PDB file of N, CA and C in Angstrom:
ATOM      1  N   MET A   1     173.447  48.769  96.520  1.00  0.00           N
ATOM      2  CA  MET A   1     172.038  48.551  96.817  1.00  0.00           C
ATOM      3  C   MET A   1     171.846  47.068  97.140  1.00  0.00           C
ATOM      4  N   ASN A   2     171.299  46.770  98.327  1.00  0.00           N
ATOM      5  CA  ASN A   2     171.082  45.359  98.628  1.00  0.00           C
ATOM      6  C   ASN A   2     169.756  44.880  98.074  1.00  0.00           C
ATOM      7  N   GLU A   3     169.509  43.581  98.128  1.00  0.00           N
ATOM      8  CA  GLU A   3     168.335  43.020  97.455  1.00  0.00           C
ATOM      9  C   GLU A   3     167.012  43.457  98.063  1.00  0.00           C
ATOM     10  N   ASN A   4     167.003  43.922  99.303  1.00  0.00           N
ATOM     11  CA  ASN A   4     165.769  44.384  99.924  1.00  0.00           C
ATOM     12  C   ASN A   4     165.577  45.889  99.826  1.00  0.00           C
ATOM     13  N   SER A   5     166.518  46.570  99.213  1.00  0.00           N
ATOM     14  CA  SER A   5     166.411  48.022  99.161  1.00  0.00           C
ATOM     15  C   SER A   5     165.708  48.472  97.885  1.00  0.00           C
ATOM     16  N   LEU A   6     165.247  49.683  97.947  1.00  0.00           N
ATOM     17  CA  LEU A   6     164.473  50.276  96.876  1.00  0.00           C
ATOM     18  C   LEU A   6     164.955  51.710  96.708  1.00  0.00           C
ATOM     19  N   LYS A   7     165.078  52.142  95.477  1.00  0.00           N
ATOM     20  CA  LYS A   7     165.492  53.522  95.214  1.00  0.00           C
ATOM     21  C   LYS A   7     164.243  54.368  95.005  1.00  0.00           C
ATOM     22  N   LEU A   8     164.131  55.444  95.769  1.00  0.00           N
ATOM     23  CA  LEU A   8     163.058  56.406  95.595  1.00  0.00           C
ATOM     24  C   LEU A   8     163.650  57.649  94.945  1.00  0.00           C
ATOM     25  N   VAL A   9     162.963  58.149  93.929  1.00  0.00           N
ATOM     26  CA  VAL A   9     163.404  59.338  93.211  1.00  0.00           C
ATOM     27  C   VAL A   9     162.283  60.370  93.300  1.00  0.00           C
ATOM     28  N   TYR A  10     162.652  61.614  93.644  1.00  0.00           N
ATOM     29  CA  TYR A  10     161.664  62.668  93.840  1.00  0.00           C
ATOM     30  C   TYR A  10     161.845  63.768  92.798  1.00  0.00           C
ATOM     31  N   PHE A  11     160.730  64.317  92.301  1.00  0.00           N
ATOM     32  CA  PHE A  11     160.768  65.353  91.276  1.00  0.00           C
ATOM     33  C   PHE A  11     159.981  66.585  91.693  1.00  0.00           C
ATOM     34  N   ALA A  12     160.383  67.738  91.132  1.00  0.00           N
ATOM     35  CA  ALA A  12     159.691  69.023  91.264  1.00  0.00           C
ATOM     36  C   ALA A  12     159.439  69.379  92.724  1.00  0.00           C
ATOM     37  N   TRP A  13     158.230  69.827  93.064  1.00  0.00           N
ATOM     38  CA  TRP A  13     158.014  70.269  94.445  1.00  0.00           C
ATOM     39  C   TRP A  13     158.030  69.136  95.454  1.00  0.00           C
ATOM     40  N   VAL A  14     157.849  67.900  95.035  1.00  0.00           N
ATOM     41  CA  VAL A  14     158.009  66.773  95.979  1.00  0.00           C
ATOM     42  C   VAL A  14     159.463  66.755  96.452  1.00  0.00           C
ATOM     43  N   ARG A  15     160.392  66.875  95.510  1.00  0.00           N
ATOM     44  CA  ARG A  15     161.822  66.911  95.829  1.00  0.00           C
ATOM     45  C   ARG A  15     162.153  68.116  96.710  1.00  0.00           C
ATOM     46  N   GLU A  16     161.611  69.271  96.345  1.00  0.00           N
ATOM     47  CA  GLU A  16     161.907  70.491  97.105  1.00  0.00           C
ATOM     48  C   GLU A  16     161.442  70.381  98.550  1.00  0.00           C
ATOM     49  N   ARG A  17     160.267  69.837  98.767  1.00  0.00           N
ATOM     50  CA  ARG A  17     159.726  69.742 100.124  1.00  0.00           C
ATOM     51  C   ARG A  17     160.441  68.687 100.959  1.00  0.00           C
ATOM     52  N   ILE A  18     160.796  67.570 100.331  1.00  0.00           N
ATOM     53  CA  ILE A  18     161.499  66.512 101.070  1.00  0.00           C
ATOM     54  C   ILE A  18     162.960  66.903 101.281  1.00  0.00           C
ATOM     55  N   GLY A  19     163.528  67.606 100.310  1.00  0.00           N
ATOM     56  CA  GLY A  19     164.915  68.035 100.432  1.00  0.00           C
ATOM     57  C   GLY A  19     165.918  67.030  99.902  1.00  0.00           C
ATOM     58  N   LEU A  20     165.438  66.051  99.149  1.00  0.00           N
ATOM     59  CA  LEU A  20     166.304  65.032  98.558  1.00  0.00           C
ATOM     60  C   LEU A  20     165.922  64.824  97.100  1.00  0.00           C
ATOM     61  N   THR A  21     166.909  64.492  96.283  1.00  0.00           N
ATOM     62  CA  THR A  21     166.642  64.114  94.898  1.00  0.00           C
ATOM     63  C   THR A  21     166.254  62.648  94.834  1.00  0.00           C
ATOM     64  N   GLU A  22     166.959  61.838  95.625  1.00  0.00           N
ATOM     65  CA  GLU A  22     166.682  60.404  95.682  1.00  0.00           C
ATOM     66  C   GLU A  22     167.233  59.844  96.974  1.00  0.00           C
ATOM     67  N   GLU A  23     166.789  58.647  97.309  1.00  0.00           N
ATOM     68  CA  GLU A  23     167.312  57.943  98.477  1.00  0.00           C
ATOM     69  C   GLU A  23     167.067  56.453  98.309  1.00  0.00           C
ATOM     70  N   GLU A  24     167.852  55.694  99.026  1.00  0.00           N
ATOM     71  CA  GLU A  24     167.707  54.245  99.028  1.00  0.00           C
ATOM     72  C   GLU A  24     167.138  53.848 100.384  1.00  0.00           C
ATOM     73  N   ILE A  25     166.071  53.059 100.363  1.00  0.00           N
ATOM     74  CA  ILE A  25     165.419  52.666 101.609  1.00  0.00           C
ATOM     75  C   ILE A  25     165.141  51.169 101.604  1.00  0.00           C
ATOM     76  N   VAL A  26     164.901  50.649 102.789  1.00  0.00           N
ATOM     77  CA  VAL A  26     164.415  49.284 102.946  1.00  0.00           C
ATOM     78  C   VAL A  26     163.036  49.423 103.562  1.00  0.00           C
ATOM     79  N   LEU A  27     162.032  48.916 102.868  1.00  0.00           N
ATOM     80  CA  LEU A  27     160.652  49.055 103.324  1.00  0.00           C
ATOM     81  C   LEU A  27     160.269  47.980 104.327  1.00  0.00           C
ATOM     82  N   PRO A  28     159.423  48.329 105.287  1.00  0.00           N
ATOM     83  CA  PRO A  28     158.880  47.303 106.174  1.00  0.00           C
ATOM     84  C   PRO A  28     157.947  46.381 105.386  1.00  0.00           C
ATOM     85  N   GLY A  29     157.776  45.159 105.853  1.00  0.00           N
ATOM     86  CA  GLY A  29     156.987  44.159 105.143  1.00  0.00           C
ATOM     87  C   GLY A  29     155.547  44.526 104.884  1.00  0.00           C
ATOM     88  N   GLU A  30     154.965  45.390 105.736  1.00  0.00           N
ATOM     89  CA  GLU A  30     153.549  45.730 105.552  1.00  0.00           C
ATOM     90  C   GLU A  30     153.308  46.736 104.430  1.00  0.00           C
ATOM     91  N   VAL A  31     154.366  47.298 103.864  1.00  0.00           N
ATOM     92  CA  VAL A  31     154.217  48.237 102.756  1.00  0.00           C
ATOM     93  C   VAL A  31     154.201  47.435 101.455  1.00  0.00           C
ATOM     94  N   ARG A  32     152.986  47.293 100.904  1.00  0.00           N
ATOM     95  CA  ARG A  32     152.823  46.412  99.734  1.00  0.00           C
ATOM     96  C   ARG A  32     152.371  47.127  98.470  1.00  0.00           C
ATOM     97  N   THR A  33     151.710  48.278  98.629  1.00  0.00           N
ATOM     98  CA  THR A  33     151.180  48.996  97.466  1.00  0.00           C
ATOM     99  C   THR A  33     151.736  50.417  97.450  1.00  0.00           C
ATOM    100  N   VAL A  34     151.487  51.105  96.343  1.00  0.00           N
ATOM    101  CA  VAL A  34     151.885  52.508  96.246  1.00  0.00           C
ATOM    102  C   VAL A  34     151.227  53.304  97.373  1.00  0.00           C
ATOM    103  N   LYS A  35     149.955  53.059  97.617  1.00  0.00           N
ATOM    104  CA  LYS A  35     149.241  53.775  98.684  1.00  0.00           C
ATOM    105  C   LYS A  35     149.900  53.521 100.046  1.00  0.00           C
ATOM    106  N   ASP A  36     150.264  52.275 100.310  1.00  0.00           N
ATOM    107  CA  ASP A  36     150.964  51.946 101.563  1.00  0.00           C
ATOM    108  C   ASP A  36     152.275  52.727 101.662  1.00  0.00           C
ATOM    109  N   LEU A  37     153.006  52.773 100.554  1.00  0.00           N
ATOM    110  CA  LEU A  37     154.291  53.476 100.525  1.00  0.00           C
ATOM    111  C   LEU A  37     154.112  54.950 100.861  1.00  0.00           C
ATOM    112  N   LEU A  38     153.151  55.596 100.230  1.00  0.00           N
ATOM    113  CA  LEU A  38     152.920  57.018 100.473  1.00  0.00           C
ATOM    114  C   LEU A  38     152.542  57.269 101.929  1.00  0.00           C
ATOM    115  N   GLY A  39     151.709  56.403 102.488  1.00  0.00           N
ATOM    116  CA  GLY A  39     151.324  56.529 103.890  1.00  0.00           C
ATOM    117  C   GLY A  39     152.511  56.339 104.822  1.00  0.00           C
ATOM    118  N   TRP A  40     153.348  55.356 104.528  1.00  0.00           N
ATOM    119  CA  TRP A  40     154.537  55.087 105.338  1.00  0.00           C
ATOM    120  C   TRP A  40     155.526  56.256 105.263  1.00  0.00           C
ATOM    121  N   LEU A  41     155.721  56.784 104.059  1.00  0.00           N
ATOM    122  CA  LEU A  41     156.643  57.908 103.893  1.00  0.00           C
ATOM    123  C   LEU A  41     156.174  59.127 104.685  1.00  0.00           C
ATOM    124  N   LYS A  42     154.877  59.379 104.720  1.00  0.00           N
ATOM    125  CA  LYS A  42     154.349  60.535 105.453  1.00  0.00           C
ATOM    126  C   LYS A  42     154.735  60.491 106.930  1.00  0.00           C
ATOM    127  N   GLY A  43     154.932  59.301 107.458  1.00  0.00           N
ATOM    128  CA  GLY A  43     155.303  59.149 108.854  1.00  0.00           C
ATOM    129  C   GLY A  43     156.791  59.304 109.126  1.00  0.00           C
ATOM    130  N   ARG A  44     157.576  59.596 108.109  1.00  0.00           N
ATOM    131  CA  ARG A  44     159.029  59.685 108.270  1.00  0.00           C
ATOM    132  C   ARG A  44     159.519  61.061 108.704  1.00  0.00           C
ATOM    133  N   GLY A  45     158.639  62.033 108.800  1.00  0.00           N
ATOM    134  CA  GLY A  45     159.066  63.359 109.247  1.00  0.00           C
ATOM    135  C   GLY A  45     158.281  64.472 108.598  1.00  0.00           C
ATOM    136  N   GLU A  46     158.506  65.678 109.106  1.00  0.00           N
ATOM    137  CA  GLU A  46     157.775  66.860 108.633  1.00  0.00           C
ATOM    138  C   GLU A  46     157.905  67.090 107.136  1.00  0.00           C
ATOM    139  N   GLU A  47     159.120  66.893 106.608  1.00  0.00           N
ATOM    140  CA  GLU A  47     159.347  67.139 105.178  1.00  0.00           C
ATOM    141  C   GLU A  47     158.474  66.224 104.328  1.00  0.00           C
ATOM    142  N   TYR A  48     158.433  64.954 104.713  1.00  0.00           N
ATOM    143  CA  TYR A  48     157.650  63.976 103.964  1.00  0.00           C
ATOM    144  C   TYR A  48     156.163  64.274 104.087  1.00  0.00           C
ATOM    145  N   GLU A  49     155.742  64.633 105.295  1.00  0.00           N
ATOM    146  CA  GLU A  49     154.333  64.947 105.494  1.00  0.00           C
ATOM    147  C   GLU A  49     153.927  66.150 104.652  1.00  0.00           C
ATOM    148  N   ALA A  50     154.792  67.170 104.583  1.00  0.00           N
ATOM    149  CA  ALA A  50     154.505  68.354 103.771  1.00  0.00           C
ATOM    150  C   ALA A  50     154.422  67.995 102.288  1.00  0.00           C
ATOM    151  N   ALA A  51     155.335  67.173 101.832  1.00  0.00           N
ATOM    152  CA  ALA A  51     155.375  66.801 100.412  1.00  0.00           C
ATOM    153  C   ALA A  51     154.200  65.916 100.027  1.00  0.00           C
ATOM    154  N   LEU A  52     153.751  65.090 100.961  1.00  0.00           N
ATOM    155  CA  LEU A  52     152.736  64.080 100.634  1.00  0.00           C
ATOM    156  C   LEU A  52     151.399  64.350 101.305  1.00  0.00           C
ATOM    157  N   GLN A  53     151.194  65.579 101.746  1.00  0.00           N
ATOM    158  CA  GLN A  53     149.970  65.896 102.467  1.00  0.00           C
ATOM    159  C   GLN A  53     148.730  65.626 101.614  1.00  0.00           C
ATOM    160  N   HIS A  54     148.824  65.810 100.310  1.00  0.00           N
ATOM    161  CA  HIS A  54     147.729  65.477  99.397  1.00  0.00           C
ATOM    162  C   HIS A  54     148.189  64.313  98.521  1.00  0.00           C
ATOM    163  N   ALA A  55     148.377  63.178  99.162  1.00  0.00           N
ATOM    164  CA  ALA A  55     148.961  62.007  98.492  1.00  0.00           C
ATOM    165  C   ALA A  55     148.170  61.580  97.259  1.00  0.00           C
ATOM    166  N   ASP A  56     146.871  61.855  97.244  1.00  0.00           N
ATOM    167  CA  ASP A  56     146.047  61.428  96.111  1.00  0.00           C
ATOM    168  C   ASP A  56     146.437  62.104  94.800  1.00  0.00           C
ATOM    169  N   VAL A  57     147.128  63.249  94.845  1.00  0.00           N
ATOM    170  CA  VAL A  57     147.540  63.913  93.606  1.00  0.00           C
ATOM    171  C   VAL A  57     148.952  63.533  93.169  1.00  0.00           C
ATOM    172  N   ILE A  58     149.674  62.820  94.022  1.00  0.00           N
ATOM    173  CA  ILE A  58     151.046  62.420  93.683  1.00  0.00           C
ATOM    174  C   ILE A  58     151.003  61.363  92.583  1.00  0.00           C
ATOM    175  N   ARG A  59     151.787  61.580  91.552  1.00  0.00           N
ATOM    176  CA  ARG A  59     151.908  60.598  90.470  1.00  0.00           C
ATOM    177  C   ARG A  59     153.111  59.722  90.759  1.00  0.00           C
ATOM    178  N   VAL A  60     153.018  58.478  90.317  1.00  0.00           N
ATOM    179  CA  VAL A  60     154.035  57.487  90.663  1.00  0.00           C
ATOM    180  C   VAL A  60     154.432  56.692  89.427  1.00  0.00           C
ATOM    181  N   ALA A  61     155.715  56.382  89.344  1.00  0.00           N
ATOM    182  CA  ALA A  61     156.209  55.470  88.307  1.00  0.00           C
ATOM    183  C   ALA A  61     157.019  54.388  89.014  1.00  0.00           C
ATOM    184  N   ILE A  62     156.696  53.143  88.691  1.00  0.00           N
ATOM    185  CA  ILE A  62     157.427  51.996  89.217  1.00  0.00           C
ATOM    186  C   ILE A  62     158.311  51.474  88.092  1.00  0.00           C
ATOM    187  N   ASP A  63     159.607  51.490  88.307  1.00  0.00           N
ATOM    188  CA  ASP A  63     160.574  51.073  87.291  1.00  0.00           C
ATOM    189  C   ASP A  63     160.252  51.699  85.928  1.00  0.00           C
ATOM    190  N   HIS A  64     160.019  53.009  85.952  1.00  0.00           N
ATOM    191  CA  HIS A  64     159.789  53.840  84.759  1.00  0.00           C
ATOM    192  C   HIS A  64     158.445  53.620  84.084  1.00  0.00           C
ATOM    193  N   GLU A  65     157.501  52.945  84.758  1.00  0.00           N
ATOM    194  CA  GLU A  65     156.150  52.741  84.215  1.00  0.00           C
ATOM    195  C   GLU A  65     155.149  53.396  85.151  1.00  0.00           C
ATOM    196  N   HIS A  66     154.279  54.244  84.605  1.00  0.00           N
ATOM    197  CA  HIS A  66     153.270  54.888  85.438  1.00  0.00           C
ATOM    198  C   HIS A  66     152.421  53.843  86.145  1.00  0.00           C
ATOM    199  N   ALA A  67     152.081  54.127  87.406  1.00  0.00           N
ATOM    200  CA  ALA A  67     151.327  53.177  88.217  1.00  0.00           C
ATOM    201  C   ALA A  67     150.265  53.912  89.017  1.00  0.00           C
ATOM    202  N   ASP A  68     149.145  53.223  89.284  1.00  0.00           N
ATOM    203  CA  ASP A  68     148.147  53.845  90.147  1.00  0.00           C
ATOM    204  C   ASP A  68     148.436  53.472  91.597  1.00  0.00           C
ATOM    205  N   HIS A  69     147.730  54.109  92.506  1.00  0.00           N
ATOM    206  CA  HIS A  69     148.039  53.953  93.926  1.00  0.00           C
ATOM    207  C   HIS A  69     147.681  52.584  94.490  1.00  0.00           C
ATOM    208  N   GLY A  70     146.890  51.818  93.777  1.00  0.00           N
ATOM    209  CA  GLY A  70     146.542  50.480  94.239  1.00  0.00           C
ATOM    210  C   GLY A  70     147.521  49.408  93.788  1.00  0.00           C
ATOM    211  N   GLU A  71     148.455  49.789  92.952  1.00  0.00           N
ATOM    212  CA  GLU A  71     149.389  48.824  92.372  1.00  0.00           C
ATOM    213  C   GLU A  71     150.402  48.322  93.399  1.00  0.00           C
ATOM    214  N   THR A  72     150.721  47.056  93.308  1.00  0.00           N
ATOM    215  CA  THR A  72     151.710  46.463  94.208  1.00  0.00           C
ATOM    216  C   THR A  72     153.112  46.929  93.832  1.00  0.00           C
ATOM    217  N   ILE A  73     153.956  47.032  94.853  1.00  0.00           N
ATOM    218  CA  ILE A  73     155.338  47.458  94.600  1.00  0.00           C
ATOM    219  C   ILE A  73     156.324  46.303  94.744  1.00  0.00           C
ATOM    220  N   ALA A  74     155.815  45.094  94.913  1.00  0.00           N
ATOM    221  CA  ALA A  74     156.678  43.921  95.061  1.00  0.00           C
ATOM    222  C   ALA A  74     157.628  43.818  93.871  1.00  0.00           C
ATOM    223  N   GLY A  75     158.901  43.649  94.155  1.00  0.00           N
ATOM    224  CA  GLY A  75     159.897  43.469  93.106  1.00  0.00           C
ATOM    225  C   GLY A  75     160.384  44.757  92.468  1.00  0.00           C
ATOM    226  N   ALA A  76     159.816  45.895  92.860  1.00  0.00           N
ATOM    227  CA  ALA A  76     160.243  47.166  92.272  1.00  0.00           C
ATOM    228  C   ALA A  76     161.674  47.486  92.688  1.00  0.00           C
ATOM    229  N   ARG A  77     162.418  48.064  91.768  1.00  0.00           N
ATOM    230  CA  ARG A  77     163.786  48.501  92.057  1.00  0.00           C
ATOM    231  C   ARG A  77     163.850  50.015  92.233  1.00  0.00           C
ATOM    232  N   GLU A  78     162.933  50.713  91.549  1.00  0.00           N
ATOM    233  CA  GLU A  78     162.916  52.168  91.630  1.00  0.00           C
ATOM    234  C   GLU A  78     161.485  52.666  91.576  1.00  0.00           C
ATOM    235  N   ILE A  79     161.168  53.617  92.445  1.00  0.00           N
ATOM    236  CA  ILE A  79     159.863  54.262  92.427  1.00  0.00           C
ATOM    237  C   ILE A  79     160.095  55.761  92.405  1.00  0.00           C
ATOM    238  N   ALA A  80     159.465  56.419  91.440  1.00  0.00           N
ATOM    239  CA  ALA A  80     159.569  57.869  91.304  1.00  0.00           C
ATOM    240  C   ALA A  80     158.262  58.510  91.741  1.00  0.00           C
ATOM    241  N   LEU A  81     158.372  59.606  92.480  1.00  0.00           N
ATOM    242  CA  LEU A  81     157.207  60.360  92.944  1.00  0.00           C
ATOM    243  C   LEU A  81     157.281  61.762  92.370  1.00  0.00           C
ATOM    244  N   PHE A  82     156.181  62.217  91.771  1.00  0.00           N
ATOM    245  CA  PHE A  82     156.177  63.554  91.210  1.00  0.00           C
ATOM    246  C   PHE A  82     154.771  64.127  91.246  1.00  0.00           C
ATOM    247  N   PRO A  83     154.681  65.463  91.216  1.00  0.00           N
ATOM    248  CA  PRO A  83     153.382  66.107  91.277  1.00  0.00           C
ATOM    249  C   PRO A  83     152.661  65.974  89.953  1.00  0.00           C
ATOM    250  N   PRO A  84     151.375  66.327  89.947  1.00  0.00           N
ATOM    251  CA  PRO A  84     150.626  66.278  88.687  1.00  0.00           C
ATOM    252  C   PRO A  84     151.245  67.215  87.654  1.00  0.00           C
ATOM    253  N   MET A  85     151.099  66.853  86.402  1.00  0.00           N
ATOM    254  CA  MET A  85     151.621  67.700  85.317  1.00  0.00           C
ATOM    255  C   MET A  85     150.737  68.926  85.194  1.00  0.00           C
ATOM    256  N   THR A  86     151.364  70.057  84.942  1.00  0.00           N
ATOM    257  CA  THR A  86     150.615  71.289  84.745  1.00  0.00           C
ATOM    258  C   THR A  86     151.083  71.958  83.475  1.00  0.00           C
ATOM    259  N   GLY A  87     150.389  72.992  83.087  1.00  0.00           N
ATOM    260  CA  GLY A  87     150.803  73.736  81.906  1.00  0.00           C
ATOM    261  C   GLY A  87     149.943  73.417  80.715  1.00  0.00           C
ATOM    262  N   GLY A  88     150.369  73.898  79.572  1.00  0.00           N
ATOM    263  CA  GLY A  88     149.539  73.660  78.407  1.00  0.00           C
ATOM    264  C   GLY A  88     150.300  73.855  77.138  1.00  0.00           C
TER     265      GLY A  88
END
């Protein structure tokens, strides 16, 4: 992993729709927040668009800490994306 790369980890139906468990990417400079990341990922292909079509419900953890969509991703090494928790 180089210093500009970031590990993305996908869970549950996000993983199923994208078709990957995880991947290493290098983000463009304009991607600064979780919201920016989700928007950028949606443009990467049909799988991503399907997984992130309702991006507002996607939960995110930056380096194992839950984060809201307005949070900056600067310095993050790993970002996990997963659907809302269900069940009882």
